[in-house]
Amino acid sequence: MNWIEKYIDIFQCPYCKGELYLDKDKNKLVCKKCKRVYDIIEGIPILLRY
């Protein structure tokens, strides 16, 4: 279990404040509410839009 899996419950979508879940196949965080997808780069979740 990596640290993201351990602390997933404290992450929230910066856009809609929805709950995020970890898509292990794609190594991304996905919002359950608005379906936005956030990359995980070198183990760091990128929750900012760039």
PDB file of N, CA and C in Angstrom:
ATOM      1  N   MET A   1       0.848  -1.179   0.000  1.00  0.00           N
ATOM      2  CA  MET A   1       0.000   0.000   0.000  1.00  0.00           C
ATOM      3  C   MET A   1       0.894   1.243   0.000  1.00  0.00           C
ATOM      4  N   ASN A   2       0.675   2.132  -0.957  1.00  0.00           N
ATOM      5  CA  ASN A   2       1.460   3.363  -0.974  1.00  0.00           C
ATOM      6  C   ASN A   2       0.760   4.443  -0.145  1.00  0.00           C
ATOM      7  N   TRP A   3       1.402   5.565   0.007  1.00  0.00           N
ATOM      8  CA  TRP A   3       0.868   6.604   0.886  1.00  0.00           C
ATOM      9  C   TRP A   3      -0.424   7.197   0.361  1.00  0.00           C
ATOM     10  N   ILE A   4      -0.614   7.228  -0.956  1.00  0.00           N
ATOM     11  CA  ILE A   4      -1.856   7.769  -1.519  1.00  0.00           C
ATOM     12  C   ILE A   4      -3.041   6.888  -1.121  1.00  0.00           C
ATOM     13  N   GLU A   5      -2.870   5.576  -1.216  1.00  0.00           N
ATOM     14  CA  GLU A   5      -3.938   4.656  -0.807  1.00  0.00           C
ATOM     15  C   GLU A   5      -4.260   4.817   0.678  1.00  0.00           C
ATOM     16  N   LYS A   6      -3.244   5.056   1.460  1.00  0.00           N
ATOM     17  CA  LYS A   6      -3.430   5.187   2.903  1.00  0.00           C
ATOM     18  C   LYS A   6      -4.208   6.457   3.267  1.00  0.00           C
ATOM     19  N   TYR A   7      -3.964   7.539   2.533  1.00  0.00           N
ATOM     20  CA  TYR A   7      -4.560   8.834   2.870  1.00  0.00           C
ATOM     21  C   TYR A   7      -5.587   9.325   1.852  1.00  0.00           C
ATOM     22  N   ILE A   8      -6.116   8.447   1.012  1.00  0.00           N
ATOM     23  CA  ILE A   8      -7.050   8.856  -0.041  1.00  0.00           C
ATOM     24  C   ILE A   8      -8.266   9.588   0.522  1.00  0.00           C
ATOM     25  N   ASP A   9      -8.673   9.269   1.727  1.00  0.00           N
ATOM     26  CA  ASP A   9      -9.875   9.880   2.304  1.00  0.00           C
ATOM     27  C   ASP A   9      -9.708  11.363   2.637  1.00  0.00           C
ATOM     28  N   ILE A  10      -8.481  11.885   2.671  1.00  0.00           N
ATOM     29  CA  ILE A  10      -8.305  13.315   2.945  1.00  0.00           C
ATOM     30  C   ILE A  10      -8.237  14.149   1.667  1.00  0.00           C
ATOM     31  N   PHE A  11      -8.101  13.510   0.514  1.00  0.00           N
ATOM     32  CA  PHE A  11      -8.073  14.237  -0.752  1.00  0.00           C
ATOM     33  C   PHE A  11      -9.486  14.598  -1.184  1.00  0.00           C
ATOM     34  N   GLN A  12      -9.618  15.777  -1.815  1.00  0.00           N
ATOM     35  CA  GLN A  12     -10.893  16.145  -2.419  1.00  0.00           C
ATOM     36  C   GLN A  12     -10.617  16.894  -3.713  1.00  0.00           C
ATOM     37  N   CYS A  13     -11.579  16.878  -4.592  1.00  0.00           N
ATOM     38  CA  CYS A  13     -11.451  17.556  -5.878  1.00  0.00           C
ATOM     39  C   CYS A  13     -11.372  19.063  -5.639  1.00  0.00           C
ATOM     40  N   PRO A  14     -10.349  19.733  -6.172  1.00  0.00           N
ATOM     41  CA  PRO A  14     -10.243  21.177  -5.970  1.00  0.00           C
ATOM     42  C   PRO A  14     -11.315  21.951  -6.739  1.00  0.00           C
ATOM     43  N   TYR A  15     -11.937  21.323  -7.727  1.00  0.00           N
ATOM     44  CA  TYR A  15     -12.953  21.995  -8.535  1.00  0.00           C
ATOM     45  C   TYR A  15     -14.327  21.975  -7.861  1.00  0.00           C
ATOM     46  N   CYS A  16     -14.803  20.772  -7.473  1.00  0.00           N
ATOM     47  CA  CYS A  16     -16.164  20.644  -6.938  1.00  0.00           C
ATOM     48  C   CYS A  16     -16.202  20.182  -5.485  1.00  0.00           C
ATOM     49  N   LYS A  17     -15.044  19.901  -4.900  1.00  0.00           N
ATOM     50  CA  LYS A  17     -14.912  19.410  -3.520  1.00  0.00           C
ATOM     51  C   LYS A  17     -15.448  17.991  -3.342  1.00  0.00           C
ATOM     52  N   GLY A  18     -15.594  17.259  -4.447  1.00  0.00           N
ATOM     53  CA  GLY A  18     -16.064  15.879  -4.386  1.00  0.00           C
ATOM     54  C   GLY A  18     -14.980  14.927  -3.902  1.00  0.00           C
ATOM     55  N   GLU A  19     -15.392  13.725  -3.579  1.00  0.00           N
ATOM     56  CA  GLU A  19     -14.484  12.684  -3.102  1.00  0.00           C
ATOM     57  C   GLU A  19     -13.693  12.111  -4.281  1.00  0.00           C
ATOM     58  N   LEU A  20     -12.414  11.828  -4.058  1.00  0.00           N
ATOM     59  CA  LEU A  20     -11.562  11.246  -5.089  1.00  0.00           C
ATOM     60  C   LEU A  20     -11.343   9.766  -4.822  1.00  0.00           C
ATOM     61  N   TYR A  21     -11.155   9.017  -5.902  1.00  0.00           N
ATOM     62  CA  TYR A  21     -10.747   7.619  -5.754  1.00  0.00           C
ATOM     63  C   TYR A  21      -9.539   7.376  -6.641  1.00  0.00           C
ATOM     64  N   LEU A  22      -8.775   6.363  -6.287  1.00  0.00           N
ATOM     65  CA  LEU A  22      -7.550   6.027  -7.003  1.00  0.00           C
ATOM     66  C   LEU A  22      -7.850   5.003  -8.079  1.00  0.00           C
ATOM     67  N   ASP A  23      -7.572   5.366  -9.336  1.00  0.00           N
ATOM     68  CA  ASP A  23      -7.667   4.425 -10.455  1.00  0.00           C
ATOM     69  C   ASP A  23      -6.287   3.789 -10.581  1.00  0.00           C
ATOM     70  N   LYS A  24      -6.132   2.596 -10.032  1.00  0.00           N
ATOM     71  CA  LYS A  24      -4.820   1.942  -9.984  1.00  0.00           C
ATOM     72  C   LYS A  24      -4.316   1.560 -11.372  1.00  0.00           C
ATOM     73  N   ASP A  25      -5.216   1.215 -12.298  1.00  0.00           N
ATOM     74  CA  ASP A  25      -4.796   0.819 -13.645  1.00  0.00           C
ATOM     75  C   ASP A  25      -4.140   1.974 -14.391  1.00  0.00           C
ATOM     76  N   LYS A  26      -4.693   3.172 -14.241  1.00  0.00           N
ATOM     77  CA  LYS A  26      -4.175   4.347 -14.949  1.00  0.00           C
ATOM     78  C   LYS A  26      -3.276   5.214 -14.078  1.00  0.00           C
ATOM     79  N   ASN A  27      -3.170   4.868 -12.782  1.00  0.00           N
ATOM     80  CA  ASN A  27      -2.374   5.638 -11.828  1.00  0.00           C
ATOM     81  C   ASN A  27      -2.807   7.108 -11.813  1.00  0.00           C
ATOM     82  N   LYS A  28      -4.116   7.316 -11.611  1.00  0.00           N
ATOM     83  CA  LYS A  28      -4.687   8.656 -11.572  1.00  0.00           C
ATOM     84  C   LYS A  28      -5.712   8.737 -10.454  1.00  0.00           C
ATOM     85  N   LEU A  29      -5.971   9.960 -10.001  1.00  0.00           N
ATOM     86  CA  LEU A  29      -7.064  10.208  -9.068  1.00  0.00           C
ATOM     87  C   LEU A  29      -8.252  10.708  -9.874  1.00  0.00           C
ATOM     88  N   VAL A  30      -9.443  10.210  -9.561  1.00  0.00           N
ATOM     89  CA  VAL A  30     -10.651  10.566 -10.298  1.00  0.00           C
ATOM     90  C   VAL A  30     -11.703  11.037  -9.302  1.00  0.00           C
ATOM     91  N   CYS A  31     -12.390  12.135  -9.648  1.00  0.00           N
ATOM     92  CA  CYS A  31     -13.452  12.652  -8.795  1.00  0.00           C
ATOM     93  C   CYS A  31     -14.727  11.846  -9.019  1.00  0.00           C
ATOM     94  N   LYS A  32     -15.336  11.395  -7.936  1.00  0.00           N
ATOM     95  CA  LYS A  32     -16.585  10.631  -8.028  1.00  0.00           C
ATOM     96  C   LYS A  32     -17.752  11.515  -8.456  1.00  0.00           C
ATOM     97  N   LYS A  33     -17.670  12.813  -8.186  1.00  0.00           N
ATOM     98  CA  LYS A  33     -18.783  13.726  -8.458  1.00  0.00           C
ATOM     99  C   LYS A  33     -18.729  14.316  -9.876  1.00  0.00           C
ATOM    100  N   CYS A  34     -17.626  14.983 -10.222  1.00  0.00           N
ATOM    101  CA  CYS A  34     -17.552  15.665 -11.524  1.00  0.00           C
ATOM    102  C   CYS A  34     -16.739  14.900 -12.567  1.00  0.00           C
ATOM    103  N   LYS A  35     -16.112  13.783 -12.165  1.00  0.00           N
ATOM    104  CA  LYS A  35     -15.361  12.887 -13.056  1.00  0.00           C
ATOM    105  C   LYS A  35     -14.065  13.488 -13.598  1.00  0.00           C
ATOM    106  N   ARG A  36     -13.582  14.577 -13.016  1.00  0.00           N
ATOM    107  CA  ARG A  36     -12.287  15.119 -13.442  1.00  0.00           C
ATOM    108  C   ARG A  36     -11.187  14.140 -13.052  1.00  0.00           C
ATOM    109  N   VAL A  37     -10.136  14.120 -13.847  1.00  0.00           N
ATOM    110  CA  VAL A  37      -9.032  13.179 -13.648  1.00  0.00           C
ATOM    111  C   VAL A  37      -7.770  13.977 -13.319  1.00  0.00           C
ATOM    112  N   TYR A  38      -7.040  13.521 -12.306  1.00  0.00           N
ATOM    113  CA  TYR A  38      -5.810  14.177 -11.871  1.00  0.00           C
ATOM    114  C   TYR A  38      -4.656  13.184 -11.942  1.00  0.00           C
ATOM    115  N   ASP A  39      -3.573  13.619 -12.574  1.00  0.00           N
ATOM    116  CA  ASP A  39      -2.388  12.778 -12.735  1.00  0.00           C
ATOM    117  C   ASP A  39      -1.671  12.568 -11.409  1.00  0.00           C
ATOM    118  N   ILE A  40      -0.947  11.462 -11.345  1.00  0.00           N
ATOM    119  CA  ILE A  40      -0.007  11.200 -10.258  1.00  0.00           C
ATOM    120  C   ILE A  40       1.358  11.058 -10.928  1.00  0.00           C
ATOM    121  N   ILE A  41       2.244  12.009 -10.663  1.00  0.00           N
ATOM    122  CA  ILE A  41       3.557  12.044 -11.309  1.00  0.00           C
ATOM    123  C   ILE A  41       4.625  11.769 -10.260  1.00  0.00           C
ATOM    124  N   GLU A  42       5.383  10.706 -10.479  1.00  0.00           N
ATOM    125  CA  GLU A  42       6.438  10.281  -9.556  1.00  0.00           C
ATOM    126  C   GLU A  42       5.917  10.181  -8.120  1.00  0.00           C
ATOM    127  N   GLY A  43       4.707   9.652  -7.977  1.00  0.00           N
ATOM    128  CA  GLY A  43       4.129   9.433  -6.660  1.00  0.00           C
ATOM    129  C   GLY A  43       3.470  10.644  -6.030  1.00  0.00           C
ATOM    130  N   ILE A  44       3.396  11.757  -6.768  1.00  0.00           N
ATOM    131  CA  ILE A  44       2.812  12.988  -6.230  1.00  0.00           C
ATOM    132  C   ILE A  44       1.532  13.316  -6.996  1.00  0.00           C
ATOM    133  N   PRO A  45       0.385  13.403  -6.303  1.00  0.00           N
ATOM    134  CA  PRO A  45      -0.856  13.767  -6.985  1.00  0.00           C
ATOM    135  C   PRO A  45      -0.830  15.242  -7.392  1.00  0.00           C
ATOM    136  N   ILE A  46      -1.156  15.502  -8.647  1.00  0.00           N
ATOM    137  CA  ILE A  46      -1.178  16.861  -9.178  1.00  0.00           C
ATOM    138  C   ILE A  46      -2.638  17.308  -9.220  1.00  0.00           C
ATOM    139  N   LEU A  47      -3.042  18.106  -8.238  1.00  0.00           N
ATOM    140  CA  LEU A  47      -4.436  18.517  -8.118  1.00  0.00           C
ATOM    141  C   LEU A  47      -4.689  19.908  -8.683  1.00  0.00           C
ATOM    142  N   LEU A  48      -3.692  20.484  -9.324  1.00  0.00           N
ATOM    143  CA  LEU A  48      -3.836  21.787  -9.962  1.00  0.00           C
ATOM    144  C   LEU A  48      -3.995  21.593 -11.458  1.00  0.00           C
ATOM    145  N   ARG A  49      -4.814  22.410 -12.075  1.00  0.00           N
ATOM    146  CA  ARG A  49      -4.953  22.362 -13.528  1.00  0.00           C
ATOM    147  C   ARG A  49      -3.816  23.185 -14.128  1.00  0.00           C
ATOM    148  N   TYR A  50      -3.154  22.640 -15.133  1.00  0.00           N
ATOM    149  CA  TYR A  50      -2.033  23.364 -15.744  1.00  0.00           C
ATOM    150  C   TYR A  50      -2.220  23.463 -17.220  1.00  0.00           C
TER     151      TYR A  50
END
